[in-house]
C-alpha cells in the first residue's frame, strides 16, 4: 500500500469516526430536549426527593400523612395541569420545599410525567 493510499484510508476512517461522533452528540442533545430523563431516572429522583413525604407510591408516607400531603394518585392531583404541577415542584407549596435549585427543568418535567404514571398504580 502506497503512502497516498494509507493517507486516503486514514482520512476516510477519520471522516467515518467524525460522523459517528456527530450523530451521538445530536442524539444526546435531542434526548435532553425531549425530557432528559427516562422513567427509571425519574423514579430514582422521586425516591430521593419526594418519597420521604409522598411515599414510594405517591399515597403519602407516615410523615407525609401527618403533614396532610395530598395523595399524588388522587383525581385532584391528576387533574392539575402539567404546568401547575411543575410550578409546585419548582417553587414549593404550603409545607413543601422548592426544588428549583436542586433539580433541573428536565428533572422537574420528568417528575411530572412520573406523577402522572402513579394514577395507574392506585
C-alpha atoms as a PDB file:
ATOM      1  CA  UNK A   1       0.000   0.000   0.000  1.00  0.00           C
ATOM      2  CA  UNK A   2       1.427   3.347  -1.002  1.00  0.00           C
ATOM      3  CA  UNK A   3       1.755   6.339   1.285  1.00  0.00           C
ATOM      4  CA  UNK A   4      -1.062   8.045  -0.601  1.00  0.00           C
ATOM      5  CA  UNK A   5      -3.372   5.044  -0.203  1.00  0.00           C
ATOM      6  CA  UNK A   6      -2.573   4.885   3.525  1.00  0.00           C
ATOM      7  CA  UNK A   7      -3.310   8.592   3.894  1.00  0.00           C
ATOM      8  CA  UNK A   8      -6.590   8.268   1.986  1.00  0.00           C
ATOM      9  CA  UNK A   9      -7.560   5.315   4.165  1.00  0.00           C
ATOM     10  CA  UNK A  10      -6.802   7.286   7.334  1.00  0.00           C
ATOM     11  CA  UNK A  11      -8.772  10.283   6.066  1.00  0.00           C
ATOM     12  CA  UNK A  12     -11.738   8.062   5.200  1.00  0.00           C
ATOM     13  CA  UNK A  13     -11.646   6.332   8.589  1.00  0.00           C
ATOM     14  CA  UNK A  14     -11.360   9.686  10.350  1.00  0.00           C
ATOM     15  CA  UNK A  15     -14.350  11.016   8.429  1.00  0.00           C
ATOM     16  CA  UNK A  16     -16.419   7.998   9.466  1.00  0.00           C
ATOM     17  CA  UNK A  17     -15.440   8.453  13.111  1.00  0.00           C
ATOM     18  CA  UNK A  18     -16.338  12.146  12.969  1.00  0.00           C
ATOM     19  CA  UNK A  19     -19.759  11.363  11.500  1.00  0.00           C
ATOM     20  CA  UNK A  20     -20.436   8.761  14.197  1.00  0.00           C
ATOM     21  CA  UNK A  21     -19.395  11.150  16.984  1.00  0.00           C
ATOM     22  CA  UNK A  22     -21.553  13.925  15.495  1.00  0.00           C
ATOM     23  CA  UNK A  23     -24.560  11.601  15.373  1.00  0.00           C
ATOM     24  CA  UNK A  24     -24.022  10.608  19.004  1.00  0.00           C
ATOM     25  CA  UNK A  25     -23.825  14.261  20.040  1.00  0.00           C
ATOM     26  CA  UNK A  26     -27.019  15.081  18.138  1.00  0.00           C
ATOM     27  CA  UNK A  27     -28.778  12.068  19.683  1.00  0.00           C
ATOM     28  CA  UNK A  28     -27.700  13.145  23.170  1.00  0.00           C
ATOM     29  CA  UNK A  29     -28.864  16.712  22.558  1.00  0.00           C
ATOM     30  CA  UNK A  30     -32.266  15.531  21.334  1.00  0.00           C
ATOM     31  CA  UNK A  31     -32.619  13.326  24.424  1.00  0.00           C
ATOM     32  CA  UNK A  32     -32.002  16.334  26.664  1.00  0.00           C
ATOM     33  CA  UNK A  33     -34.542  18.420  24.726  1.00  0.00           C
ATOM     34  CA  UNK A  34     -37.092  15.601  24.916  1.00  0.00           C
ATOM     35  CA  UNK A  35     -37.002  15.482  28.686  1.00  0.00           C
ATOM     36  CA  UNK A  36     -33.576  14.297  29.621  1.00  0.00           C
ATOM     37  CA  UNK A  37     -34.728  11.562  31.948  1.00  0.00           C
ATOM     38  CA  UNK A  38     -36.201   8.189  31.334  1.00  0.00           C
ATOM     39  CA  UNK A  39     -38.748   6.618  33.662  1.00  0.00           C
ATOM     40  CA  UNK A  40     -36.115   4.864  35.771  1.00  0.00           C
ATOM     41  CA  UNK A  41     -34.241   8.124  36.385  1.00  0.00           C
ATOM     42  CA  UNK A  42     -37.448   9.969  37.230  1.00  0.00           C
ATOM     43  CA  UNK A  43     -38.395   7.189  39.654  1.00  0.00           C
ATOM     44  CA  UNK A  44     -34.960   7.438  41.292  1.00  0.00           C
ATOM     45  CA  UNK A  45     -35.353  11.215  41.602  1.00  0.00           C
ATOM     46  CA  UNK A  46     -38.823  10.719  43.105  1.00  0.00           C
ATOM     47  CA  UNK A  47     -37.458   8.199  45.612  1.00  0.00           C
ATOM     48  CA  UNK A  48     -34.603  10.539  46.578  1.00  0.00           C
ATOM     49  CA  UNK A  49     -36.501  13.831  46.723  1.00  0.00           C
ATOM     50  CA  UNK A  50     -40.208  13.089  47.188  1.00  0.00           C
ATOM     51  CA  UNK A  51     -40.864   9.680  48.739  1.00  0.00           C
ATOM     52  CA  UNK A  52     -39.944  10.798  52.255  1.00  0.00           C
ATOM     53  CA  UNK A  53     -43.238  12.695  52.390  1.00  0.00           C
ATOM     54  CA  UNK A  54     -45.232  11.390  49.419  1.00  0.00           C
ATOM     55  CA  UNK A  55     -44.376   7.721  49.968  1.00  0.00           C
ATOM     56  CA  UNK A  56     -42.889   5.346  47.410  1.00  0.00           C
ATOM     57  CA  UNK A  57     -46.225   5.012  45.583  1.00  0.00           C
ATOM     58  CA  UNK A  58     -47.413   8.630  45.931  1.00  0.00           C
ATOM     59  CA  UNK A  59     -50.049   7.799  48.574  1.00  0.00           C
ATOM     60  CA  UNK A  60     -48.102   9.541  51.339  1.00  0.00           C
ATOM     61  CA  UNK A  61     -45.656   8.277  53.937  1.00  0.00           C
ATOM     62  CA  UNK A  62     -46.465   8.295  57.646  1.00  0.00           C
ATOM     63  CA  UNK A  63     -44.572  11.589  57.918  1.00  0.00           C
ATOM     64  CA  UNK A  64     -46.397  12.982  54.894  1.00  0.00           C
ATOM     65  CA  UNK A  65     -49.810  11.877  56.115  1.00  0.00           C
ATOM     66  CA  UNK A  66     -49.155  13.629  59.438  1.00  0.00           C
ATOM     67  CA  UNK A  67     -48.449  16.793  57.427  1.00  0.00           C
ATOM     68  CA  UNK A  68     -51.564  16.189  55.300  1.00  0.00           C
ATOM     69  CA  UNK A  69     -49.704  15.892  51.987  1.00  0.00           C
ATOM     70  CA  UNK A  70     -52.062  15.035  49.145  1.00  0.00           C
ATOM     71  CA  UNK A  71     -52.215  11.585  47.592  1.00  0.00           C
ATOM     72  CA  UNK A  72     -50.441  12.123  44.263  1.00  0.00           C
ATOM     73  CA  UNK A  73     -52.592   9.379  42.745  1.00  0.00           C
ATOM     74  CA  UNK A  74     -55.800  11.258  43.588  1.00  0.00           C
ATOM     75  CA  UNK A  75     -58.107  12.723  40.988  1.00  0.00           C
ATOM     76  CA  UNK A  76     -57.481  16.234  42.341  1.00  0.00           C
ATOM     77  CA  UNK A  77     -53.734  15.993  41.712  1.00  0.00           C
ATOM     78  CA  UNK A  78     -54.058  14.069  38.458  1.00  0.00           C
ATOM     79  CA  UNK A  79     -56.430  16.728  37.066  1.00  0.00           C
ATOM     80  CA  UNK A  80     -53.922  19.523  37.699  1.00  0.00           C
ATOM     81  CA  UNK A  81     -52.307  20.877  34.520  1.00  0.00           C
ATOM     82  CA  UNK A  82     -48.683  19.827  33.949  1.00  0.00           C
ATOM     83  CA  UNK A  83     -47.562  23.453  34.257  1.00  0.00           C
ATOM     84  CA  UNK A  84     -49.160  23.745  37.705  1.00  0.00           C
ATOM     85  CA  UNK A  85     -47.533  20.513  38.917  1.00  0.00           C
ATOM     86  CA  UNK A  86     -44.170  21.657  37.568  1.00  0.00           C
ATOM     87  CA  UNK A  87     -44.585  25.029  39.309  1.00  0.00           C
ATOM     88  CA  UNK A  88     -45.431  23.309  42.598  1.00  0.00           C
ATOM     89  CA  UNK A  89     -42.343  21.101  42.359  1.00  0.00           C
ATOM     90  CA  UNK A  90     -40.173  24.036  41.356  1.00  0.00           C
ATOM     91  CA  UNK A  91     -41.434  26.665  43.795  1.00  0.00           C
ATOM     92  CA  UNK A  92     -42.906  24.533  46.563  1.00  0.00           C
ATOM     93  CA  UNK A  93     -46.332  24.940  48.128  1.00  0.00           C
ATOM     94  CA  UNK A  94     -47.533  25.001  51.721  1.00  0.00           C
ATOM     95  CA  UNK A  95     -45.033  22.909  53.672  1.00  0.00           C
ATOM     96  CA  UNK A  96     -43.432  21.510  50.532  1.00  0.00           C
ATOM     97  CA  UNK A  97     -39.985  22.976  49.858  1.00  0.00           C
ATOM     98  CA  UNK A  98     -38.994  24.334  46.444  1.00  0.00           C
ATOM     99  CA  UNK A  99     -36.773  22.133  44.297  1.00  0.00           C
ATOM    100  CA  UNK A 100     -35.799  24.654  41.601  1.00  0.00           C
ATOM    101  CA  UNK A 101     -32.283  24.964  42.992  1.00  0.00           C
ATOM    102  CA  UNK A 102     -31.658  21.212  43.275  1.00  0.00           C
ATOM    103  CA  UNK A 103     -33.462  19.851  40.196  1.00  0.00           C
ATOM    104  CA  UNK A 104     -33.111  20.838  36.553  1.00  0.00           C
ATOM    105  CA  UNK A 105     -36.110  21.835  34.497  1.00  0.00           C
ATOM    106  CA  UNK A 106     -35.838  18.488  32.677  1.00  0.00           C
ATOM    107  CA  UNK A 107     -35.879  16.616  36.002  1.00  0.00           C
ATOM    108  CA  UNK A 108     -38.933  18.576  37.150  1.00  0.00           C
ATOM    109  CA  UNK A 109     -40.816  17.758  33.942  1.00  0.00           C
ATOM    110  CA  UNK A 110     -39.768  14.113  34.242  1.00  0.00           C
ATOM    111  CA  UNK A 111     -41.207  14.124  37.776  1.00  0.00           C
ATOM    112  CA  UNK A 112     -44.481  15.498  36.430  1.00  0.00           C
ATOM    113  CA  UNK A 113     -44.613  12.570  33.973  1.00  0.00           C
ATOM    114  CA  UNK A 114     -43.761  10.195  36.828  1.00  0.00           C
ATOM    115  CA  UNK A 115     -46.570  11.607  38.993  1.00  0.00           C
ATOM    116  CA  UNK A 116     -48.915  11.041  36.057  1.00  0.00           C
ATOM    117  CA  UNK A 117     -47.824   7.397  35.942  1.00  0.00           C
ATOM    118  CA  UNK A 118     -48.824   6.937  39.591  1.00  0.00           C
ATOM    119  CA  UNK A 119     -52.527   7.239  38.680  1.00  0.00           C
ATOM    120  CA  UNK A 120     -52.392   3.830  37.047  1.00  0.00           C
ATOM    121  CA  UNK A 121     -50.983   2.258  40.209  1.00  0.00           C
ATOM    122  CA  UNK A 122     -53.770   3.371  42.556  1.00  0.00           C
END
